[in-house]
C-alpha cells in the first residue's frame, strides 16, 4: 500500500484549520488513482477524532472504503490499569474469534 502525509490534524485551539492541511491533495490523489480503501491513522484524541470525522465526511461521496485503526487495549496491558474510555473502545470495537 501507499501512505499519504496530511501534515497535521485539525486543532481549533491552536488555529489549525482543514485548509492548512493537505486535504485537497489527498482528494486529488484519491480521484486520480484507483484507490479501493483509505485507512485513517490518527492519534485517539480530540484532534485525531475531529480530523477523522471531517475527512470521512468529505470523502464519502468518492465511494471509497474508509476505515480507521482499531482502538482498545494494547497487547500485554493489565485490565486493572485501563481507563474507562479505553475499555469502552475495546468493547465497542471487539472482534469475533
PDB file of N, CA and C in Angstrom:
ATOM      1  N   UNK A   1       0.806  -1.181   0.000  1.00  0.00           N
ATOM      2  CA  UNK A   1       0.000   0.000   0.000  1.00  0.00           C
ATOM      3  C   UNK A   1       0.856   1.255   0.000  1.00  0.00           C
ATOM      4  N   UNK A   2       0.183   2.342  -0.072  1.00  0.00           N
ATOM      5  CA  UNK A   2       0.810   3.654  -0.065  1.00  0.00           C
ATOM      6  C   UNK A   2       0.368   4.420   1.170  1.00  0.00           C
ATOM      7  N   UNK A   3       1.087   5.453   1.497  1.00  0.00           N
ATOM      8  CA  UNK A   3       0.653   6.326   2.578  1.00  0.00           C
ATOM      9  C   UNK A   3       0.657   7.764   2.094  1.00  0.00           C
ATOM     10  N   UNK A   4      -0.118   8.584   2.782  1.00  0.00           N
ATOM     11  CA  UNK A   4      -0.243   9.993   2.437  1.00  0.00           C
ATOM     12  C   UNK A   4      -0.079  10.797   3.718  1.00  0.00           C
ATOM     13  N   UNK A   5       0.782  11.785   3.681  1.00  0.00           N
ATOM     14  CA  UNK A   5       1.018  12.613   4.858  1.00  0.00           C
ATOM     15  C   UNK A   5       0.133  13.851   4.777  1.00  0.00           C
ATOM     16  N   UNK A   6      -0.770  13.954   5.731  1.00  0.00           N
ATOM     17  CA  UNK A   6      -1.723  15.050   5.763  1.00  0.00           C
ATOM     18  C   UNK A   6      -1.087  16.344   6.262  1.00  0.00           C
ATOM     19  N   UNK A   7      -0.067  16.213   7.091  1.00  0.00           N
ATOM     20  CA  UNK A   7       0.630  17.391   7.580  1.00  0.00           C
ATOM     21  C   UNK A   7       0.115  17.924   8.896  1.00  0.00           C
ATOM     22  N   UNK A   8      -0.636  17.124   9.618  1.00  0.00           N
ATOM     23  CA  UNK A   8      -1.139  17.539  10.919  1.00  0.00           C
ATOM     24  C   UNK A   8      -2.580  17.134  11.107  1.00  0.00           C
ATOM     25  N   UNK A   9      -3.188  17.705  12.124  1.00  0.00           N
ATOM     26  CA  UNK A   9      -4.595  17.446  12.433  1.00  0.00           C
ATOM     27  C   UNK A   9      -5.316  18.764  12.671  1.00  0.00           C
ATOM     28  N   UNK A  10      -6.617  18.735  12.553  1.00  0.00           N
ATOM     29  CA  UNK A  10      -7.432  19.911  12.830  1.00  0.00           C
ATOM     30  C   UNK A  10      -7.354  20.193  14.331  1.00  0.00           C
ATOM     31  N   UNK A  11      -7.017  21.424  14.673  1.00  0.00           N
ATOM     32  CA  UNK A  11      -6.890  21.802  16.076  1.00  0.00           C
ATOM     33  C   UNK A  11      -7.317  23.257  16.218  1.00  0.00           C
ATOM     34  N   UNK A  12      -8.560  23.451  16.582  1.00  0.00           N
ATOM     35  CA  UNK A  12      -9.103  24.809  16.658  1.00  0.00           C
ATOM     36  C   UNK A  12      -8.434  25.646  17.741  1.00  0.00           C
ATOM     37  N   UNK A  13      -7.981  25.007  18.801  1.00  0.00           N
ATOM     38  CA  UNK A  13      -7.318  25.750  19.884  1.00  0.00           C
ATOM     39  C   UNK A  13      -6.022  26.377  19.384  1.00  0.00           C
ATOM     40  N   UNK A  14      -5.286  25.629  18.572  1.00  0.00           N
ATOM     41  CA  UNK A  14      -4.025  26.138  18.025  1.00  0.00           C
ATOM     42  C   UNK A  14      -4.216  26.836  16.685  1.00  0.00           C
ATOM     43  N   UNK A  15      -5.454  26.953  16.234  1.00  0.00           N
ATOM     44  CA  UNK A  15      -5.750  27.659  14.993  1.00  0.00           C
ATOM     45  C   UNK A  15      -5.447  26.876  13.727  1.00  0.00           C
ATOM     46  N   UNK A  16      -5.343  25.553  13.819  1.00  0.00           N
ATOM     47  CA  UNK A  16      -5.074  24.733  12.631  1.00  0.00           C
ATOM     48  C   UNK A  16      -6.412  24.311  12.036  1.00  0.00           C
ATOM     49  N   UNK A  17      -6.682  24.835  10.851  1.00  0.00           N
ATOM     50  CA  UNK A  17      -7.938  24.584  10.157  1.00  0.00           C
ATOM     51  C   UNK A  17      -7.725  23.582   9.032  1.00  0.00           C
ATOM     52  N   UNK A  18      -8.792  22.972   8.530  1.00  0.00           N
ATOM     53  CA  UNK A  18      -8.661  21.997   7.440  1.00  0.00           C
ATOM     54  C   UNK A  18      -7.933  22.546   6.214  1.00  0.00           C
ATOM     55  N   UNK A  19      -8.107  23.831   5.942  1.00  0.00           N
ATOM     56  CA  UNK A  19      -7.476  24.438   4.770  1.00  0.00           C
ATOM     57  C   UNK A  19      -5.949  24.433   4.865  1.00  0.00           C
ATOM     58  N   UNK A  20      -5.427  24.310   6.079  1.00  0.00           N
ATOM     59  CA  UNK A  20      -3.979  24.332   6.276  1.00  0.00           C
ATOM     60  C   UNK A  20      -3.350  22.942   6.115  1.00  0.00           C
ATOM     61  N   UNK A  21      -4.168  21.928   5.977  1.00  0.00           N
ATOM     62  CA  UNK A  21      -3.675  20.561   5.820  1.00  0.00           C
ATOM     63  C   UNK A  21      -3.709  20.161   4.347  1.00  0.00           C
ATOM     64  N   UNK A  22      -3.111  19.046   4.016  1.00  0.00           N
ATOM     65  CA  UNK A  22      -3.029  18.573   2.627  1.00  0.00           C
ATOM     66  C   UNK A  22      -4.278  17.803   2.198  1.00  0.00           C
ATOM     67  N   UNK A  23      -5.427  18.238   2.632  1.00  0.00           N
ATOM     68  CA  UNK A  23      -6.670  17.518   2.346  1.00  0.00           C
ATOM     69  C   UNK A  23      -7.043  17.600   0.872  1.00  0.00           C
ATOM     70  N   UNK A  24      -6.864  18.749   0.244  1.00  0.00           N
ATOM     71  CA  UNK A  24      -7.186  18.874  -1.193  1.00  0.00           C
ATOM     72  C   UNK A  24      -6.281  17.972  -2.031  1.00  0.00           C
ATOM     73  N   UNK A  25      -5.017  17.889  -1.660  1.00  0.00           N
ATOM     74  CA  UNK A  25      -4.096  16.993  -2.367  1.00  0.00           C
ATOM     75  C   UNK A  25      -4.507  15.542  -2.177  1.00  0.00           C
ATOM     76  N   UNK A  26      -4.978  15.198  -0.985  1.00  0.00           N
ATOM     77  CA  UNK A  26      -5.466  13.841  -0.733  1.00  0.00           C
ATOM     78  C   UNK A  26      -6.673  13.542  -1.607  1.00  0.00           C
ATOM     79  N   UNK A  27      -7.614  14.453  -1.671  1.00  0.00           N
ATOM     80  CA  UNK A  27      -8.797  14.281  -2.521  1.00  0.00           C
ATOM     81  C   UNK A  27      -8.389  14.068  -3.974  1.00  0.00           C
ATOM     82  N   UNK A  28      -7.467  14.884  -4.454  1.00  0.00           N
ATOM     83  CA  UNK A  28      -6.997  14.757  -5.833  1.00  0.00           C
ATOM     84  C   UNK A  28      -6.349  13.387  -6.062  1.00  0.00           C
ATOM     85  N   UNK A  29      -5.501  12.984  -5.145  1.00  0.00           N
ATOM     86  CA  UNK A  29      -4.816  11.694  -5.247  1.00  0.00           C
ATOM     87  C   UNK A  29      -5.832  10.544  -5.320  1.00  0.00           C
ATOM     88  N   UNK A  30      -6.876  10.615  -4.509  1.00  0.00           N
ATOM     89  CA  UNK A  30      -7.880   9.563  -4.492  1.00  0.00           C
ATOM     90  C   UNK A  30      -8.718   9.548  -5.770  1.00  0.00           C
ATOM     91  N   UNK A  31      -8.969  10.713  -6.342  1.00  0.00           N
ATOM     92  CA  UNK A  31      -9.759  10.797  -7.563  1.00  0.00           C
ATOM     93  C   UNK A  31      -8.969  10.318  -8.781  1.00  0.00           C
ATOM     94  N   UNK A  32      -7.684  10.636  -8.836  1.00  0.00           N
ATOM     95  CA  UNK A  32      -6.846  10.321  -9.988  1.00  0.00           C
ATOM     96  C   UNK A  32      -6.419   8.849 -10.010  1.00  0.00           C
ATOM     97  N   UNK A  33      -6.141   8.292  -8.849  1.00  0.00           N
ATOM     98  CA  UNK A  33      -5.644   6.918  -8.764  1.00  0.00           C
ATOM     99  C   UNK A  33      -6.784   5.959  -8.429  1.00  0.00           C
ATOM    100  N   UNK A  34      -6.583   4.709  -8.725  1.00  0.00           N
ATOM    101  CA  UNK A  34      -7.580   3.685  -8.473  1.00  0.00           C
ATOM    102  C   UNK A  34      -7.411   3.152  -7.044  1.00  0.00           C
ATOM    103  N   UNK A  35      -7.916   3.885  -6.075  1.00  0.00           N
ATOM    104  CA  UNK A  35      -7.771   3.545  -4.667  1.00  0.00           C
ATOM    105  C   UNK A  35      -9.038   2.834  -4.193  1.00  0.00           C
ATOM    106  N   UNK A  36      -8.867   1.670  -3.565  1.00  0.00           N
ATOM    107  CA  UNK A  36     -10.008   0.902  -3.068  1.00  0.00           C
ATOM    108  C   UNK A  36     -10.377   1.249  -1.637  1.00  0.00           C
ATOM    109  N   UNK A  37      -9.363   1.581  -0.847  1.00  0.00           N
ATOM    110  CA  UNK A  37      -9.600   1.816   0.575  1.00  0.00           C
ATOM    111  C   UNK A  37      -8.622   2.858   1.100  1.00  0.00           C
ATOM    112  N   UNK A  38      -9.099   3.645   2.051  1.00  0.00           N
ATOM    113  CA  UNK A  38      -8.231   4.575   2.760  1.00  0.00           C
ATOM    114  C   UNK A  38      -8.361   4.238   4.242  1.00  0.00           C
ATOM    115  N   UNK A  39      -7.225   4.084   4.899  1.00  0.00           N
ATOM    116  CA  UNK A  39      -7.195   3.803   6.331  1.00  0.00           C
ATOM    117  C   UNK A  39      -6.717   5.063   7.036  1.00  0.00           C
ATOM    118  N   UNK A  40      -7.570   5.631   7.854  1.00  0.00           N
ATOM    119  CA  UNK A  40      -7.215   6.832   8.590  1.00  0.00           C
ATOM    120  C   UNK A  40      -6.496   6.439   9.873  1.00  0.00           C
ATOM    121  N   UNK A  41      -5.309   6.997  10.088  1.00  0.00           N
ATOM    122  CA  UNK A  41      -4.485   6.628  11.240  1.00  0.00           C
ATOM    123  C   UNK A  41      -4.082   7.891  12.002  1.00  0.00           C
ATOM    124  N   UNK A  42      -4.912   8.259  12.961  1.00  0.00           N
ATOM    125  CA  UNK A  42      -4.651   9.431  13.788  1.00  0.00           C
ATOM    126  C   UNK A  42      -4.607   9.028  15.246  1.00  0.00           C
ATOM    127  N   UNK A  43      -3.970   9.843  16.064  1.00  0.00           N
ATOM    128  CA  UNK A  43      -3.954   9.579  17.497  1.00  0.00           C
ATOM    129  C   UNK A  43      -5.380   9.581  18.034  1.00  0.00           C
ATOM    130  N   UNK A  44      -5.657   8.740  19.028  1.00  0.00           N
ATOM    131  CA  UNK A  44      -7.019   8.684  19.591  1.00  0.00           C
ATOM    132  C   UNK A  44      -7.258   9.798  20.611  1.00  0.00           C
ATOM    133  N   UNK A  45      -7.238  11.033  20.130  1.00  0.00           N
ATOM    134  CA  UNK A  45      -7.517  12.185  20.981  1.00  0.00           C
ATOM    135  C   UNK A  45      -8.539  13.071  20.269  1.00  0.00           C
ATOM    136  N   UNK A  46      -8.899  14.175  20.877  1.00  0.00           N
ATOM    137  CA  UNK A  46      -9.929  15.049  20.312  1.00  0.00           C
ATOM    138  C   UNK A  46      -9.576  15.522  18.903  1.00  0.00           C
ATOM    139  N   UNK A  47      -8.329  15.922  18.702  1.00  0.00           N
ATOM    140  CA  UNK A  47      -7.903  16.409  17.397  1.00  0.00           C
ATOM    141  C   UNK A  47      -7.935  15.296  16.346  1.00  0.00           C
ATOM    142  N   UNK A  48      -7.478  14.112  16.730  1.00  0.00           N
ATOM    143  CA  UNK A  48      -7.497  12.968  15.820  1.00  0.00           C
ATOM    144  C   UNK A  48      -8.908  12.559  15.438  1.00  0.00           C
ATOM    145  N   UNK A  49      -9.801  12.556  16.424  1.00  0.00           N
ATOM    146  CA  UNK A  49     -11.208  12.216  16.166  1.00  0.00           C
ATOM    147  C   UNK A  49     -11.862  13.254  15.264  1.00  0.00           C
ATOM    148  N   UNK A  50     -11.589  14.524  15.525  1.00  0.00           N
ATOM    149  CA  UNK A  50     -12.151  15.607  14.711  1.00  0.00           C
ATOM    150  C   UNK A  50     -11.687  15.479  13.266  1.00  0.00           C
ATOM    151  N   UNK A  51     -10.401  15.246  13.080  1.00  0.00           N
ATOM    152  CA  UNK A  51      -9.839  15.113  11.734  1.00  0.00           C
ATOM    153  C   UNK A  51     -10.397  13.888  11.029  1.00  0.00           C
ATOM    154  N   UNK A  52     -10.503  12.784  11.742  1.00  0.00           N
ATOM    155  CA  UNK A  52     -11.066  11.552  11.175  1.00  0.00           C
ATOM    156  C   UNK A  52     -12.482  11.779  10.677  1.00  0.00           C
ATOM    157  N   UNK A  53     -13.327  12.376  11.513  1.00  0.00           N
ATOM    158  CA  UNK A  53     -14.729  12.594  11.139  1.00  0.00           C
ATOM    159  C   UNK A  53     -14.837  13.570   9.964  1.00  0.00           C
ATOM    160  N   UNK A  54     -14.010  14.604   9.967  1.00  0.00           N
ATOM    161  CA  UNK A  54     -14.035  15.587   8.886  1.00  0.00           C
ATOM    162  C   UNK A  54     -13.664  14.934   7.554  1.00  0.00           C
ATOM    163  N   UNK A  55     -12.583  14.195   7.547  1.00  0.00           N
ATOM    164  CA  UNK A  55     -12.119  13.560   6.310  1.00  0.00           C
ATOM    165  C   UNK A  55     -13.105  12.498   5.839  1.00  0.00           C
ATOM    166  N   UNK A  56     -13.621  11.700   6.755  1.00  0.00           N
ATOM    167  CA  UNK A  56     -14.587  10.667   6.380  1.00  0.00           C
ATOM    168  C   UNK A  56     -15.817  11.277   5.715  1.00  0.00           C
ATOM    169  N   UNK A  57     -16.318  12.353   6.280  1.00  0.00           N
ATOM    170  CA  UNK A  57     -17.484  13.034   5.707  1.00  0.00           C
ATOM    171  C   UNK A  57     -17.161  13.616   4.333  1.00  0.00           C
ATOM    172  N   UNK A  58     -15.983  14.191   4.192  1.00  0.00           N
ATOM    173  CA  UNK A  58     -15.560  14.809   2.943  1.00  0.00           C
ATOM    174  C   UNK A  58     -15.363  13.780   1.826  1.00  0.00           C
ATOM    175  N   UNK A  59     -14.835  12.606   2.187  1.00  0.00           N
ATOM    176  CA  UNK A  59     -14.509  11.593   1.175  1.00  0.00           C
ATOM    177  C   UNK A  59     -15.640  10.623   0.875  1.00  0.00           C
ATOM    178  N   UNK A  60     -16.680  10.634   1.669  1.00  0.00           N
ATOM    179  CA  UNK A  60     -17.781   9.693   1.491  1.00  0.00           C
ATOM    180  C   UNK A  60     -18.342   9.673   0.062  1.00  0.00           C
ATOM    181  N   UNK A  61     -18.524  10.823  -0.596  1.00  0.00           N
ATOM    182  CA  UNK A  61     -19.063  10.808  -1.971  1.00  0.00           C
ATOM    183  C   UNK A  61     -18.166  10.090  -2.993  1.00  0.00           C
ATOM    184  N   UNK A  62     -16.896   9.833  -2.660  1.00  0.00           N
ATOM    185  CA  UNK A  62     -15.991   9.178  -3.605  1.00  0.00           C
ATOM    186  C   UNK A  62     -16.201   7.668  -3.678  1.00  0.00           C
ATOM    187  N   UNK A  63     -17.058   7.140  -2.812  1.00  0.00           N
ATOM    188  CA  UNK A  63     -17.355   5.697  -2.783  1.00  0.00           C
ATOM    189  C   UNK A  63     -16.100   4.843  -2.619  1.00  0.00           C
ATOM    190  N   UNK A  64     -15.217   5.278  -1.750  1.00  0.00           N
ATOM    191  CA  UNK A  64     -14.018   4.527  -1.388  1.00  0.00           C
ATOM    192  C   UNK A  64     -14.254   3.994   0.018  1.00  0.00           C
ATOM    193  N   UNK A  65     -13.817   2.767   0.272  1.00  0.00           N
ATOM    194  CA  UNK A  65     -13.930   2.202   1.610  1.00  0.00           C
ATOM    195  C   UNK A  65     -13.048   3.026   2.552  1.00  0.00           C
ATOM    196  N   UNK A  66     -13.655   3.572   3.605  1.00  0.00           N
ATOM    197  CA  UNK A  66     -12.935   4.394   4.570  1.00  0.00           C
ATOM    198  C   UNK A  66     -12.932   3.659   5.906  1.00  0.00           C
ATOM    199  N   UNK A  67     -11.735   3.352   6.397  1.00  0.00           N
ATOM    200  CA  UNK A  67     -11.602   2.660   7.674  1.00  0.00           C
ATOM    201  C   UNK A  67     -10.642   3.440   8.559  1.00  0.00           C
ATOM    202  N   UNK A  68     -10.514   2.981   9.795  1.00  0.00           N
ATOM    203  CA  UNK A  68      -9.599   3.606  10.730  1.00  0.00           C
ATOM    204  C   UNK A  68      -8.902   2.507  11.513  1.00  0.00           C
ATOM    205  N   UNK A  69      -7.823   2.861  12.164  1.00  0.00           N
ATOM    206  CA  UNK A  69      -7.126   1.895  13.001  1.00  0.00           C
ATOM    207  C   UNK A  69      -8.029   1.498  14.168  1.00  0.00           C
ATOM    208  N   UNK A  70      -7.879   0.264  14.624  1.00  0.00           N
ATOM    209  CA  UNK A  70      -8.662  -0.214  15.759  1.00  0.00           C
ATOM    210  C   UNK A  70      -8.278   0.538  17.029  1.00  0.00           C
ATOM    211  N   UNK A  71      -9.195   0.539  17.976  1.00  0.00           N
ATOM    212  CA  UNK A  71      -8.943   1.176  19.267  1.00  0.00           C
ATOM    213  C   UNK A  71      -9.211   0.151  20.353  1.00  0.00           C
ATOM    214  N   UNK A  72      -8.522   0.277  21.456  1.00  0.00           N
ATOM    215  CA  UNK A  72      -8.775  -0.619  22.575  1.00  0.00           C
ATOM    216  C   UNK A  72      -7.534  -0.858  23.393  1.00  0.00           C
ATOM    217  N   UNK A  73      -7.472  -2.018  23.982  1.00  0.00           N
ATOM    218  CA  UNK A  73      -6.379  -2.357  24.884  1.00  0.00           C
ATOM    219  C   UNK A  73      -5.140  -2.811  24.118  1.00  0.00           C
ATOM    220  N   UNK A  74      -3.973  -2.319  24.508  1.00  0.00           N
ATOM    221  CA  UNK A  74      -2.743  -2.784  23.857  1.00  0.00           C
ATOM    222  C   UNK A  74      -2.352  -4.171  24.360  1.00  0.00           C
ATOM    223  N   UNK A  75      -1.621  -4.893  23.545  1.00  0.00           N
ATOM    224  CA  UNK A  75      -1.150  -6.225  23.906  1.00  0.00           C
ATOM    225  C   UNK A  75      -0.293  -6.132  25.159  1.00  0.00           C
ATOM    226  N   UNK A  76      -0.550  -6.994  26.113  1.00  0.00           N
ATOM    227  CA  UNK A  76       0.231  -7.027  27.340  1.00  0.00           C
ATOM    228  C   UNK A  76      -0.244  -6.073  28.421  1.00  0.00           C
ATOM    229  N   UNK A  77      -1.307  -5.322  28.156  1.00  0.00           N
ATOM    230  CA  UNK A  77      -1.805  -4.363  29.148  1.00  0.00           C
ATOM    231  C   UNK A  77      -2.626  -5.080  30.214  1.00  0.00           C
ATOM    232  N   UNK A  78      -2.617  -4.561  31.421  1.00  0.00           N
ATOM    233  CA  UNK A  78      -3.443  -5.084  32.504  1.00  0.00           C
ATOM    234  C   UNK A  78      -4.774  -4.357  32.512  1.00  0.00           C
ATOM    235  N   UNK A  79      -5.871  -5.109  32.534  1.00  0.00           N
ATOM    236  CA  UNK A  79      -7.200  -4.501  32.578  1.00  0.00           C
ATOM    237  C   UNK A  79      -7.357  -3.586  33.790  1.00  0.00           C
ATOM    238  N   UNK A  80      -6.693  -3.942  34.852  1.00  0.00           N
ATOM    239  CA  UNK A  80      -6.777  -3.201  36.108  1.00  0.00           C
ATOM    240  C   UNK A  80      -6.380  -1.732  35.948  1.00  0.00           C
ATOM    241  N   UNK A  81      -5.496  -1.444  34.982  1.00  0.00           N
ATOM    242  CA  UNK A  81      -4.989  -0.081  34.796  1.00  0.00           C
ATOM    243  C   UNK A  81      -5.630   0.649  33.616  1.00  0.00           C
ATOM    244  N   UNK A  82      -6.574   0.010  32.943  1.00  0.00           N
ATOM    245  CA  UNK A  82      -7.202   0.627  31.773  1.00  0.00           C
ATOM    246  C   UNK A  82      -8.209   1.689  32.204  1.00  0.00           C
ATOM    247  N   UNK A  83      -8.223   2.800  31.501  1.00  0.00           N
ATOM    248  CA  UNK A  83      -9.192   3.855  31.801  1.00  0.00           C
ATOM    249  C   UNK A  83     -10.539   3.516  31.164  1.00  0.00           C
ATOM    250  N   UNK A  84     -11.567   4.236  31.563  1.00  0.00           N
ATOM    251  CA  UNK A  84     -12.934   3.973  31.123  1.00  0.00           C
ATOM    252  C   UNK A  84     -13.100   4.085  29.602  1.00  0.00           C
ATOM    253  N   UNK A  85     -12.530   5.103  28.998  1.00  0.00           N
ATOM    254  CA  UNK A  85     -12.658   5.308  27.548  1.00  0.00           C
ATOM    255  C   UNK A  85     -12.007   4.152  26.785  1.00  0.00           C
ATOM    256  N   UNK A  86     -10.841   3.717  27.235  1.00  0.00           N
ATOM    257  CA  UNK A  86     -10.157   2.605  26.576  1.00  0.00           C
ATOM    258  C   UNK A  86     -10.996   1.337  26.673  1.00  0.00           C
ATOM    259  N   UNK A  87     -11.575   1.075  27.823  1.00  0.00           N
ATOM    260  CA  UNK A  87     -12.427  -0.110  27.983  1.00  0.00           C
ATOM    261  C   UNK A  87     -13.672  -0.021  27.109  1.00  0.00           C
ATOM    262  N   UNK A  88     -14.266   1.165  27.031  1.00  0.00           N
ATOM    263  CA  UNK A  88     -15.441   1.355  26.163  1.00  0.00           C
ATOM    264  C   UNK A  88     -15.065   1.058  24.709  1.00  0.00           C
ATOM    265  N   UNK A  89     -13.927   1.598  24.257  1.00  0.00           N
ATOM    266  CA  UNK A  89     -13.484   1.357  22.881  1.00  0.00           C
ATOM    267  C   UNK A  89     -13.148  -0.109  22.652  1.00  0.00           C
ATOM    268  N   UNK A  90     -12.521  -0.752  23.619  1.00  0.00           N
ATOM    269  CA  UNK A  90     -12.185  -2.166  23.487  1.00  0.00           C
ATOM    270  C   UNK A  90     -13.449  -3.011  23.311  1.00  0.00           C
ATOM    271  N   UNK A  91     -14.501  -2.682  24.036  1.00  0.00           N
ATOM    272  CA  UNK A  91     -15.763  -3.404  23.891  1.00  0.00           C
ATOM    273  C   UNK A  91     -16.472  -3.047  22.586  1.00  0.00           C
ATOM    274  N   UNK A  92     -16.485  -1.778  22.257  1.00  0.00           N
ATOM    275  CA  UNK A  92     -17.170  -1.311  21.049  1.00  0.00           C
ATOM    276  C   UNK A  92     -16.554  -1.892  19.779  1.00  0.00           C
ATOM    277  N   UNK A  93     -15.230  -1.974  19.732  1.00  0.00           N
ATOM    278  CA  UNK A  93     -14.544  -2.420  18.526  1.00  0.00           C
ATOM    279  C   UNK A  93     -14.013  -3.851  18.663  1.00  0.00           C
ATOM    280  N   UNK A  94     -14.666  -4.658  19.462  1.00  0.00           N
ATOM    281  CA  UNK A  94     -14.234  -6.034  19.663  1.00  0.00           C
ATOM    282  C   UNK A  94     -14.381  -6.841  18.374  1.00  0.00           C
ATOM    283  N   UNK A  95     -13.625  -7.939  18.293  1.00  0.00           N
ATOM    284  CA  UNK A  95     -13.616  -8.803  17.111  1.00  0.00           C
ATOM    285  C   UNK A  95     -14.124 -10.196  17.466  1.00  0.00           C
ATOM    286  N   UNK A  96     -14.836 -10.794  16.558  1.00  0.00           N
ATOM    287  CA  UNK A  96     -15.302 -12.164  16.727  1.00  0.00           C
ATOM    288  C   UNK A  96     -14.113 -13.109  16.558  1.00  0.00           C
ATOM    289  N   UNK A  97     -14.031 -14.132  17.399  1.00  0.00           N
ATOM    290  CA  UNK A  97     -12.952 -15.119  17.269  1.00  0.00           C
ATOM    291  C   UNK A  97     -13.503 -16.495  16.967  1.00  0.00           C
TER     292      UNK A  97
END
